[in-house]
All heavy atoms as atom14 arrays in JSON, in Angstrom:
{
  "sequence": "ESRWIDVKDGIICGDCKVLADKMGQKYGTCRA",
  "atom14_mask": [
    [1, 1, 1, 1, 1, 1, 1, 1, 1, 0, 0, 0, 0, 0],
    [1, 1, 1, 1, 1, 1, 0, 0, 0, 0, 0, 0, 0, 0],
    [1, 1, 1, 1, 1, 1, 1, 1, 1, 1, 1, 0, 0, 0],
    [1, 1, 1, 1, 1, 1, 1, 1, 1, 1, 1, 1, 1, 1],
    [1, 1, 1, 1, 1, 1, 1, 1, 0, 0, 0, 0, 0, 0],
    [1, 1, 1, 1, 1, 1, 1, 1, 0, 0, 0, 0, 0, 0],
    [1, 1, 1, 1, 1, 1, 1, 0, 0, 0, 0, 0, 0, 0],
    [1, 1, 1, 1, 1, 1, 1, 1, 1, 0, 0, 0, 0, 0],
    [1, 1, 1, 1, 1, 1, 1, 1, 0, 0, 0, 0, 0, 0],
    [1, 1, 1, 1, 0, 0, 0, 0, 0, 0, 0, 0, 0, 0],
    [1, 1, 1, 1, 1, 1, 1, 1, 0, 0, 0, 0, 0, 0],
    [1, 1, 1, 1, 1, 1, 1, 1, 0, 0, 0, 0, 0, 0],
    [1, 1, 1, 1, 1, 1, 0, 0, 0, 0, 0, 0, 0, 0],
    [1, 1, 1, 1, 0, 0, 0, 0, 0, 0, 0, 0, 0, 0],
    [1, 1, 1, 1, 1, 1, 1, 1, 0, 0, 0, 0, 0, 0],
    [1, 1, 1, 1, 1, 1, 0, 0, 0, 0, 0, 0, 0, 0],
    [1, 1, 1, 1, 1, 1, 1, 1, 1, 0, 0, 0, 0, 0],
    [1, 1, 1, 1, 1, 1, 1, 0, 0, 0, 0, 0, 0, 0],
    [1, 1, 1, 1, 1, 1, 1, 1, 0, 0, 0, 0, 0, 0],
    [1, 1, 1, 1, 1, 0, 0, 0, 0, 0, 0, 0, 0, 0],
    [1, 1, 1, 1, 1, 1, 1, 1, 0, 0, 0, 0, 0, 0],
    [1, 1, 1, 1, 1, 1, 1, 1, 1, 0, 0, 0, 0, 0],
    [1, 1, 1, 1, 1, 1, 1, 1, 0, 0, 0, 0, 0, 0],
    [1, 1, 1, 1, 0, 0, 0, 0, 0, 0, 0, 0, 0, 0],
    [1, 1, 1, 1, 1, 1, 1, 1, 1, 0, 0, 0, 0, 0],
    [1, 1, 1, 1, 1, 1, 1, 1, 1, 0, 0, 0, 0, 0],
    [1, 1, 1, 1, 1, 1, 1, 1, 1, 1, 1, 1, 0, 0],
    [1, 1, 1, 1, 0, 0, 0, 0, 0, 0, 0, 0, 0, 0],
    [1, 1, 1, 1, 1, 1, 1, 0, 0, 0, 0, 0, 0, 0],
    [1, 1, 1, 1, 1, 1, 0, 0, 0, 0, 0, 0, 0, 0],
    [1, 1, 1, 1, 1, 1, 1, 1, 1, 1, 1, 0, 0, 0],
    [1, 1, 1, 1, 1, 0, 0, 0, 0, 0, 0, 0, 0, 0]
  ],
  "atom14_positions": [
    [[-32.39, 3.14, -5.48], [-30.99, 2.63, -5.96], [-31.04, 1.74, -7.01], [-30.07, 1.52, -7.74], [-30.37, 2.05, -4.67], [-30.22, 2.97, -3.51], [-31.39, 2.88, -2.49], [-32.44, 2.27, -2.83], [-31.36, 3.52, -1.49], [0.0, 0.0, 0.0], [0.0, 0.0, 0.0], [0.0, 0.0, 0.0], [0.0, 0.0, 0.0], [0.0, 0.0, 0.0]],
    [[-32.06, 0.89, -7.16], [-32.24, -0.03, -8.22], [-32.19, 0.54, -9.62], [-31.9, -0.03, -10.56], [-33.6, -0.87, -8.03], [-34.63, 0.01, -8.19], [0.0, 0.0, 0.0], [0.0, 0.0, 0.0], [0.0, 0.0, 0.0], [0.0, 0.0, 0.0], [0.0, 0.0, 0.0], [0.0, 0.0, 0.0], [0.0, 0.0, 0.0], [0.0, 0.0, 0.0]],
    [[-32.44, 1.86, -9.71], [-32.43, 2.52, -10.97], [-31.07, 3.39, -11.25], [-30.84, 3.92, -12.28], [-33.67, 3.5, -11.14], [-34.89, 2.7, -11.09], [-36.06, 3.6, -11.37], [-36.06, 4.21, -12.72], [-36.89, 5.21, -13.11], [-37.8, 5.68, -12.25], [-36.74, 5.7, -14.26], [0.0, 0.0, 0.0], [0.0, 0.0, 0.0], [0.0, 0.0, 0.0]],
    [[-30.26, 3.42, -10.16], [-28.99, 4.06, -10.35], [-28.05, 3.42, -11.26], [-28.04, 2.21, -11.36], [-28.3, 4.32, -8.95], [-29.01, 5.15, -8.04], [-30.19, 5.89, -8.3], [-28.57, 5.65, -6.71], [-30.52, 6.7, -7.15], [-29.57, 6.56, -6.26], [-27.42, 5.35, -6.01], [-29.33, 7.16, -5.0], [-27.32, 5.91, -4.78], [-28.19, 6.82, -4.24]],
    [[-27.23, 4.27, -11.88], [-26.19, 3.62, -12.77], [-24.96, 3.27, -12.0], [-24.63, 3.93, -11.05], [-25.84, 4.61, -14.0], [-25.46, 5.96, -13.48], [-27.09, 4.78, -14.84], [-24.96, 6.86, -14.47], [0.0, 0.0, 0.0], [0.0, 0.0, 0.0], [0.0, 0.0, 0.0], [0.0, 0.0, 0.0], [0.0, 0.0, 0.0], [0.0, 0.0, 0.0]],
    [[-24.2, 2.39, -12.69], [-22.83, 1.9, -12.09], [-22.86, 1.56, -10.62], [-21.96, 2.0, -9.81], [-21.85, 3.07, -12.47], [-21.66, 3.16, -13.89], [-21.7, 2.18, -14.68], [-21.53, 4.4, -14.29], [0.0, 0.0, 0.0], [0.0, 0.0, 0.0], [0.0, 0.0, 0.0], [0.0, 0.0, 0.0], [0.0, 0.0, 0.0], [0.0, 0.0, 0.0]],
    [[-23.8, 0.71, -10.21], [-23.72, 0.18, -8.84], [-23.01, -1.17, -9.01], [-23.47, -2.04, -9.75], [-25.17, -0.08, -8.3], [-25.09, -0.79, -6.88], [-25.94, 1.24, -8.19], [0.0, 0.0, 0.0], [0.0, 0.0, 0.0], [0.0, 0.0, 0.0], [0.0, 0.0, 0.0], [0.0, 0.0, 0.0], [0.0, 0.0, 0.0], [0.0, 0.0, 0.0]],
    [[-21.92, -1.31, -8.33], [-21.06, -2.47, -8.5], [-21.78, -3.65, -8.08], [-22.18, -3.81, -6.85], [-19.71, -2.34, -7.69], [-18.73, -3.51, -7.96], [-17.36, -3.09, -7.82], [-16.44, -4.33, -8.21], [-15.12, -3.91, -8.57], [0.0, 0.0, 0.0], [0.0, 0.0, 0.0], [0.0, 0.0, 0.0], [0.0, 0.0, 0.0], [0.0, 0.0, 0.0]],
    [[-21.89, -4.71, -8.88], [-22.58, -5.96, -8.59], [-23.93, -5.82, -8.03], [-24.43, -6.71, -7.28], [-21.71, -6.83, -7.77], [-20.41, -7.18, -8.38], [-20.3, -7.3, -9.56], [-19.35, -7.34, -7.57], [0.0, 0.0, 0.0], [0.0, 0.0, 0.0], [0.0, 0.0, 0.0], [0.0, 0.0, 0.0], [0.0, 0.0, 0.0], [0.0, 0.0, 0.0]],
    [[-24.59, -4.62, -8.29], [-25.9, -4.38, -7.59], [-26.03, -4.34, -6.12], [-26.97, -4.46, -5.37], [0.0, 0.0, 0.0], [0.0, 0.0, 0.0], [0.0, 0.0, 0.0], [0.0, 0.0, 0.0], [0.0, 0.0, 0.0], [0.0, 0.0, 0.0], [0.0, 0.0, 0.0], [0.0, 0.0, 0.0], [0.0, 0.0, 0.0], [0.0, 0.0, 0.0]],
    [[-24.74, -3.98, -5.5], [-24.67, -3.91, -4.03], [-25.17, -2.67, -3.44], [-24.52, -1.56, -3.62], [-23.15, -4.12, -3.59], [-22.7, -5.51, -4.15], [-23.01, -4.03, -2.1], [-21.18, -5.84, -3.79], [0.0, 0.0, 0.0], [0.0, 0.0, 0.0], [0.0, 0.0, 0.0], [0.0, 0.0, 0.0], [0.0, 0.0, 0.0], [0.0, 0.0, 0.0]],
    [[-26.25, -2.71, -2.82], [-26.87, -1.58, -2.15], [-26.6, -1.81, -0.61], [-26.89, -2.78, 0.05], [-28.39, -1.56, -2.33], [-28.67, -1.3, -3.88], [-29.06, -0.33, -1.56], [-30.03, -1.52, -4.23], [0.0, 0.0, 0.0], [0.0, 0.0, 0.0], [0.0, 0.0, 0.0], [0.0, 0.0, 0.0], [0.0, 0.0, 0.0], [0.0, 0.0, 0.0]],
    [[-26.08, -0.67, 0.05], [-25.54, -0.78, 1.42], [-26.45, -0.17, 2.41], [-26.15, -0.03, 3.57], [-24.09, -0.25, 1.39], [-22.99, -1.11, 0.36], [0.0, 0.0, 0.0], [0.0, 0.0, 0.0], [0.0, 0.0, 0.0], [0.0, 0.0, 0.0], [0.0, 0.0, 0.0], [0.0, 0.0, 0.0], [0.0, 0.0, 0.0], [0.0, 0.0, 0.0]],
    [[-27.49, 0.43, 1.97], [-28.49, 1.22, 2.87], [-29.27, 2.16, 2.12], [-29.13, 2.26, 0.85], [0.0, 0.0, 0.0], [0.0, 0.0, 0.0], [0.0, 0.0, 0.0], [0.0, 0.0, 0.0], [0.0, 0.0, 0.0], [0.0, 0.0, 0.0], [0.0, 0.0, 0.0], [0.0, 0.0, 0.0], [0.0, 0.0, 0.0], [0.0, 0.0, 0.0]],
    [[-30.0, 3.07, 2.82], [-30.81, 4.02, 2.1], [-29.89, 5.02, 1.51], [-29.13, 5.66, 2.07], [-31.74, 4.61, 3.11], [-32.69, 5.55, 2.44], [-33.13, 5.23, 1.26], [-33.13, 6.57, 3.17], [0.0, 0.0, 0.0], [0.0, 0.0, 0.0], [0.0, 0.0, 0.0], [0.0, 0.0, 0.0], [0.0, 0.0, 0.0], [0.0, 0.0, 0.0]],
    [[-30.03, 5.13, 0.17], [-29.21, 6.04, -0.7], [-27.65, 5.75, -0.56], [-26.85, 6.69, -0.84], [-29.5, 7.48, -0.16], [-30.76, 8.3, -1.07], [0.0, 0.0, 0.0], [0.0, 0.0, 0.0], [0.0, 0.0, 0.0], [0.0, 0.0, 0.0], [0.0, 0.0, 0.0], [0.0, 0.0, 0.0], [0.0, 0.0, 0.0], [0.0, 0.0, 0.0]],
    [[-27.3, 4.64, -0.19], [-25.94, 4.22, -0.06], [-25.64, 2.94, -0.86], [-26.15, 1.92, -0.59], [-25.56, 4.08, 1.43], [-24.09, 3.85, 1.74], [-23.86, 3.78, 3.16], [-22.39, 3.63, 3.5], [-22.13, 3.6, 5.01], [0.0, 0.0, 0.0], [0.0, 0.0, 0.0], [0.0, 0.0, 0.0], [0.0, 0.0, 0.0], [0.0, 0.0, 0.0]],
    [[-24.57, 3.02, -1.71], [-24.28, 2.04, -2.61], [-22.85, 1.77, -2.85], [-22.03, 2.68, -2.5], [-24.87, 2.12, -4.1], [-26.4, 2.19, -4.0], [-24.33, 3.28, -4.82], [0.0, 0.0, 0.0], [0.0, 0.0, 0.0], [0.0, 0.0, 0.0], [0.0, 0.0, 0.0], [0.0, 0.0, 0.0], [0.0, 0.0, 0.0], [0.0, 0.0, 0.0]],
    [[-22.36, 0.67, -3.22], [-21.0, 0.43, -3.75], [-20.86, 0.97, -5.14], [-21.43, 0.26, -6.11], [-20.57, -1.01, -3.58], [-19.1, -1.37, -3.89], [-18.26, -0.61, -2.9], [-18.87, -2.87, -3.81], [0.0, 0.0, 0.0], [0.0, 0.0, 0.0], [0.0, 0.0, 0.0], [0.0, 0.0, 0.0], [0.0, 0.0, 0.0], [0.0, 0.0, 0.0]],
    [[-20.35, 2.12, -5.34], [-20.27, 2.75, -6.61], [-19.16, 2.13, -7.53], [-18.04, 2.07, -6.98], [-20.11, 4.25, -6.46], [0.0, 0.0, 0.0], [0.0, 0.0, 0.0], [0.0, 0.0, 0.0], [0.0, 0.0, 0.0], [0.0, 0.0, 0.0], [0.0, 0.0, 0.0], [0.0, 0.0, 0.0], [0.0, 0.0, 0.0], [0.0, 0.0, 0.0]],
    [[-19.35, 1.92, -8.69], [-18.28, 1.31, -9.63], [-17.9, 2.41, -10.58], [-18.27, 3.57, -10.52], [-19.0, 0.21, -10.49], [-17.99, -0.78, -10.99], [-16.76, -0.61, -10.69], [-18.42, -1.65, -11.72], [0.0, 0.0, 0.0], [0.0, 0.0, 0.0], [0.0, 0.0, 0.0], [0.0, 0.0, 0.0], [0.0, 0.0, 0.0], [0.0, 0.0, 0.0]],
    [[-16.73, 2.08, -11.22], [-16.14, 3.04, -12.21], [-15.65, 4.29, -11.63], [-15.65, 5.33, -12.32], [-17.14, 3.19, -13.33], [-17.59, 1.95, -14.12], [-18.42, 2.38, -15.27], [-18.88, 1.08, -16.07], [-19.82, 1.25, -17.09], [0.0, 0.0, 0.0], [0.0, 0.0, 0.0], [0.0, 0.0, 0.0], [0.0, 0.0, 0.0], [0.0, 0.0, 0.0]],
    [[-15.16, 4.25, -10.43], [-14.65, 5.46, -9.68], [-13.35, 5.89, -10.42], [-13.02, 7.02, -10.51], [-14.35, 5.25, -8.23], [-15.78, 4.96, -7.49], [-16.96, 6.25, -7.65], [-16.34, 7.52, -6.59], [0.0, 0.0, 0.0], [0.0, 0.0, 0.0], [0.0, 0.0, 0.0], [0.0, 0.0, 0.0], [0.0, 0.0, 0.0], [0.0, 0.0, 0.0]],
    [[-12.65, 4.83, -10.89], [-11.28, 5.19, -11.56], [-11.46, 5.85, -12.94], [-10.88, 6.99, -13.08], [0.0, 0.0, 0.0], [0.0, 0.0, 0.0], [0.0, 0.0, 0.0], [0.0, 0.0, 0.0], [0.0, 0.0, 0.0], [0.0, 0.0, 0.0], [0.0, 0.0, 0.0], [0.0, 0.0, 0.0], [0.0, 0.0, 0.0], [0.0, 0.0, 0.0]],
    [[-12.23, 5.33, -13.71], [-12.17, 5.81, -15.16], [-13.33, 6.84, -15.44], [-13.35, 7.46, -16.52], [-12.39, 4.64, -16.19], [-13.58, 3.82, -16.09], [-13.47, 2.6, -15.21], [-13.04, 2.81, -14.04], [-13.88, 1.38, -15.62], [0.0, 0.0, 0.0], [0.0, 0.0, 0.0], [0.0, 0.0, 0.0], [0.0, 0.0, 0.0], [0.0, 0.0, 0.0]],
    [[-14.42, 6.92, -14.52], [-15.5, 7.69, -14.86], [-15.94, 8.82, -13.88], [-16.11, 9.96, -14.24], [-16.75, 6.78, -15.0], [-17.99, 7.39, -15.64], [-19.0, 6.32, -16.01], [-20.17, 6.99, -16.72], [-21.28, 5.95, -16.92], [0.0, 0.0, 0.0], [0.0, 0.0, 0.0], [0.0, 0.0, 0.0], [0.0, 0.0, 0.0], [0.0, 0.0, 0.0]],
    [[-15.96, 8.56, -12.56], [-16.36, 9.5, -11.57], [-15.23, 10.17, -10.83], [-15.36, 11.41, -10.69], [-17.42, 8.82, -10.73], [-18.57, 8.34, -11.49], [-18.73, 6.88, -11.61], [-19.51, 9.04, -12.1], [-19.78, 6.31, -12.32], [-20.6, 8.57, -12.75], [-20.71, 7.23, -12.89], [-21.76, 6.71, -13.67], [0.0, 0.0, 0.0], [0.0, 0.0, 0.0]],
    [[-14.43, 9.32, -10.19], [-13.45, 9.89, -9.31], [-13.92, 10.17, -7.86], [-13.43, 9.59, -6.95], [0.0, 0.0, 0.0], [0.0, 0.0, 0.0], [0.0, 0.0, 0.0], [0.0, 0.0, 0.0], [0.0, 0.0, 0.0], [0.0, 0.0, 0.0], [0.0, 0.0, 0.0], [0.0, 0.0, 0.0], [0.0, 0.0, 0.0], [0.0, 0.0, 0.0]],
    [[-14.91, 10.95, -7.75], [-15.44, 11.35, -6.43], [-16.9, 10.89, -6.24], [-17.64, 10.73, -7.28], [-15.48, 12.87, -6.24], [-16.45, 13.55, -7.14], [-14.05, 13.5, -6.62], [0.0, 0.0, 0.0], [0.0, 0.0, 0.0], [0.0, 0.0, 0.0], [0.0, 0.0, 0.0], [0.0, 0.0, 0.0], [0.0, 0.0, 0.0], [0.0, 0.0, 0.0]],
    [[-17.32, 10.71, -4.99], [-18.71, 10.37, -4.81], [-19.67, 11.52, -5.14], [-20.79, 11.29, -5.53], [-18.82, 10.0, -3.27], [-18.36, 8.25, -2.92], [0.0, 0.0, 0.0], [0.0, 0.0, 0.0], [0.0, 0.0, 0.0], [0.0, 0.0, 0.0], [0.0, 0.0, 0.0], [0.0, 0.0, 0.0], [0.0, 0.0, 0.0], [0.0, 0.0, 0.0]],
    [[-19.14, 12.71, -4.96], [-20.02, 13.93, -5.45], [-20.34, 13.83, -6.95], [-21.49, 13.94, -7.3], [-19.29, 15.23, -5.24], [-20.11, 16.52, -5.49], [-19.56, 17.7, -5.33], [-18.82, 17.94, -4.09], [-19.46, 18.23, -2.94], [-20.79, 18.32, -2.91], [-18.78, 18.41, -1.88], [0.0, 0.0, 0.0], [0.0, 0.0, 0.0], [0.0, 0.0, 0.0]],
    [[-19.39, 13.4, -7.77], [-19.65, 13.21, -9.18], [-20.55, 11.98, -9.43], [-21.57, 12.05, -10.23], [-18.32, 13.0, -9.97], [0.0, 0.0, 0.0], [0.0, 0.0, 0.0], [0.0, 0.0, 0.0], [0.0, 0.0, 0.0], [0.0, 0.0, 0.0], [0.0, 0.0, 0.0], [0.0, 0.0, 0.0], [0.0, 0.0, 0.0], [0.0, 0.0, 0.0]]
  ]
}
């Protein structure tokens, strides 16, 4: 997770689980 892009404030919530940022303007869905 430390290498993932757009993790909001670096918040990792568990194994493979993060607070994803830029959902509005970039991704929309967790699948994306």
